[in-house]
Amino acid sequence: MPGRNPFTASLVAVPLALMVLTGCDGRSPASPSRDGLVVSESGLTVSGYVYQAPAPDSGEPPIADALITLRDAAGTESTAVSDRRGFYRVRGTASEVVVRAAKEGYRTRESRFDLTESTVLNFSLTPLLP
């Protein structure tokens, strides 16, 4: 285009490109690395849904107010309660953990695994026989 100086556009584009390319080393500032694991500032989470074991007449209804307990290798416990949709989220630290779902009138379930990243863990609880 006549009258426009192409040099002016490059004065803006070059510094902008340098800021983008040198902004960080590939890691998010909110995700520091520890022993090769990416860990957020607030720790790892285990989340999922608690629902009733499938039954021919009721499907898989969500279970509200189930108590979820996460115990890490050091014995520290974190708890959460499932909401009306059966959803829960509990925080933990990178270690071997035991996560337990319990509700009165249902069999308690637990899962043991190495928590190395935020994990989705759903629980299917079976009603106790009357």
Protein backbone atom coordinates (compact mmCIF):
# COMPACT_ATOMS: atom_id res chain seq x y z
CA MET A 1 0.00 0.00 0.00
CA PRO A 2 1.31 3.42 -0.88
CA GLY A 3 2.00 5.71 2.05
CA ARG A 4 2.41 2.91 4.66
CA ASN A 5 5.78 2.15 6.10
CA PRO A 6 6.30 -1.66 6.37
CA PHE A 7 9.07 -1.04 8.87
CA THR A 8 6.52 0.29 11.44
CA ALA A 9 4.60 -3.00 11.49
CA SER A 10 7.77 -4.99 12.15
CA LEU A 11 8.62 -2.73 15.12
CA VAL A 12 5.48 -4.02 16.82
CA ALA A 13 5.57 -7.64 15.58
CA VAL A 14 9.17 -8.46 16.59
CA PRO A 15 8.92 -7.47 20.29
CA LEU A 16 5.52 -9.15 20.54
CA ALA A 17 6.92 -12.40 19.10
CA LEU A 18 9.87 -12.27 21.50
CA MET A 19 7.55 -11.88 24.49
CA VAL A 20 5.49 -14.88 23.41
CA LEU A 21 8.47 -17.11 22.61
CA THR A 22 10.45 -16.34 25.77
CA GLY A 23 7.47 -16.04 28.14
CA CYS A 24 7.98 -19.34 29.94
CA ASP A 25 9.87 -22.59 29.69
CA GLY A 26 6.86 -24.76 28.83
CA ARG A 27 5.45 -25.01 32.33
CA SER A 28 2.50 -23.05 33.59
CA PRO A 29 3.34 -20.83 36.57
CA ALA A 30 0.41 -22.43 38.40
CA SER A 31 1.81 -25.92 37.75
CA PRO A 32 5.25 -26.30 39.33
CA SER A 33 7.03 -29.60 38.78
CA ARG A 34 8.04 -31.80 41.69
CA ASP A 35 9.98 -35.00 40.98
CA GLY A 36 8.73 -34.89 37.39
CA LEU A 37 5.06 -34.63 38.45
CA VAL A 38 3.05 -31.56 37.55
CA VAL A 39 1.32 -30.39 40.71
CA SER A 40 -0.99 -27.40 41.00
CA GLU A 41 -0.58 -24.91 43.82
CA SER A 42 -3.69 -26.27 45.53
CA GLY A 43 -2.63 -29.93 45.30
CA LEU A 44 -4.15 -32.88 43.55
CA THR A 45 -7.83 -33.76 43.55
CA VAL A 46 -9.89 -36.92 43.39
CA SER A 47 -13.38 -36.28 42.08
CA GLY A 48 -16.27 -38.23 40.66
CA TYR A 49 -19.81 -39.41 41.28
CA VAL A 50 -21.41 -41.68 43.84
CA TYR A 51 -24.41 -43.60 42.58
CA GLN A 52 -26.48 -46.61 43.54
CA ALA A 53 -25.45 -49.94 42.01
CA PRO A 54 -27.52 -50.64 38.90
CA ALA A 55 -30.88 -52.26 39.55
CA PRO A 56 -33.51 -53.29 36.96
CA ASP A 57 -36.20 -51.10 38.49
CA SER A 58 -34.21 -47.99 39.47
CA GLY A 59 -31.26 -47.59 37.08
CA GLU A 60 -28.28 -45.83 38.72
CA PRO A 61 -29.65 -42.97 40.83
CA PRO A 62 -27.10 -40.54 42.32
CA ILE A 63 -26.43 -40.75 46.05
CA ALA A 64 -26.36 -37.43 47.87
CA ASP A 65 -24.62 -36.90 51.22
CA ALA A 66 -22.19 -39.82 50.88
CA LEU A 67 -19.04 -39.24 52.94
CA ILE A 68 -15.84 -39.48 50.90
CA THR A 69 -12.61 -39.87 52.88
CA LEU A 70 -9.15 -39.70 51.33
CA ARG A 71 -6.27 -40.91 53.54
CA ASP A 72 -2.71 -40.43 52.27
CA ALA A 73 0.45 -42.41 53.10
CA ALA A 74 1.22 -40.10 56.06
CA GLY A 75 -2.23 -40.80 57.55
CA THR A 76 -3.62 -37.34 56.79
CA GLU A 77 -7.33 -37.42 55.95
CA SER A 78 -9.40 -35.13 53.76
CA THR A 79 -13.16 -35.45 53.45
CA ALA A 80 -15.98 -34.32 51.18
CA VAL A 81 -19.71 -34.96 50.94
CA SER A 82 -21.42 -35.75 47.64
CA ASP A 83 -23.95 -33.18 46.44
CA ARG A 84 -27.51 -33.86 45.20
CA ARG A 85 -26.09 -35.02 41.85
CA GLY A 86 -23.75 -37.44 43.64
CA PHE A 87 -20.69 -35.35 42.73
CA TYR A 88 -17.73 -34.94 45.11
CA ARG A 89 -14.22 -33.46 45.02
CA VAL A 90 -11.56 -34.04 47.68
CA ARG A 91 -7.97 -32.79 47.82
CA GLY A 92 -4.94 -35.00 48.35
CA THR A 93 -1.18 -35.12 48.02
CA ALA A 94 0.95 -37.26 45.74
CA SER A 95 1.31 -40.60 47.57
CA GLU A 96 -0.42 -43.92 47.96
CA VAL A 97 -3.99 -43.13 49.02
CA VAL A 98 -7.10 -44.92 50.19
CA VAL A 99 -10.38 -43.32 49.14
CA ARG A 100 -13.55 -44.54 50.88
CA ALA A 101 -17.21 -43.81 50.07
CA ALA A 102 -19.72 -44.44 52.85
CA LYS A 103 -23.40 -43.76 53.41
CA GLU A 104 -25.78 -45.18 55.98
CA GLY A 105 -27.87 -47.97 54.43
CA TYR A 106 -25.17 -48.83 51.81
CA ARG A 107 -22.11 -51.06 51.73
CA THR A 108 -18.92 -49.02 52.12
CA ARG A 109 -16.53 -49.11 49.16
CA GLU A 110 -12.88 -48.15 49.01
CA SER A 111 -10.15 -47.87 46.43
CA ARG A 112 -6.38 -47.89 47.00
CA PHE A 113 -3.99 -46.41 44.41
CA ASP A 114 -0.99 -44.14 43.86
CA LEU A 115 -2.21 -40.57 43.44
CA THR A 116 0.18 -39.01 40.92
CA GLU A 117 -2.23 -36.68 39.14
CA SER A 118 -5.77 -35.42 39.64
CA THR A 119 -8.01 -38.45 39.20
CA VAL A 120 -11.66 -39.25 38.45
CA LEU A 121 -13.01 -42.02 40.68
CA ASN A 122 -16.70 -43.00 40.60
CA PHE A 123 -18.27 -45.17 43.31
CA SER A 124 -21.19 -47.55 42.90
CA LEU A 125 -22.73 -48.32 46.30
CA THR A 126 -24.97 -51.32 46.96
CA PRO A 127 -27.90 -50.93 49.36
CA LEU A 128 -27.80 -53.13 52.45
CA LEU A 129 -30.48 -55.78 52.59
CA PRO A 130 -33.33 -54.94 54.98
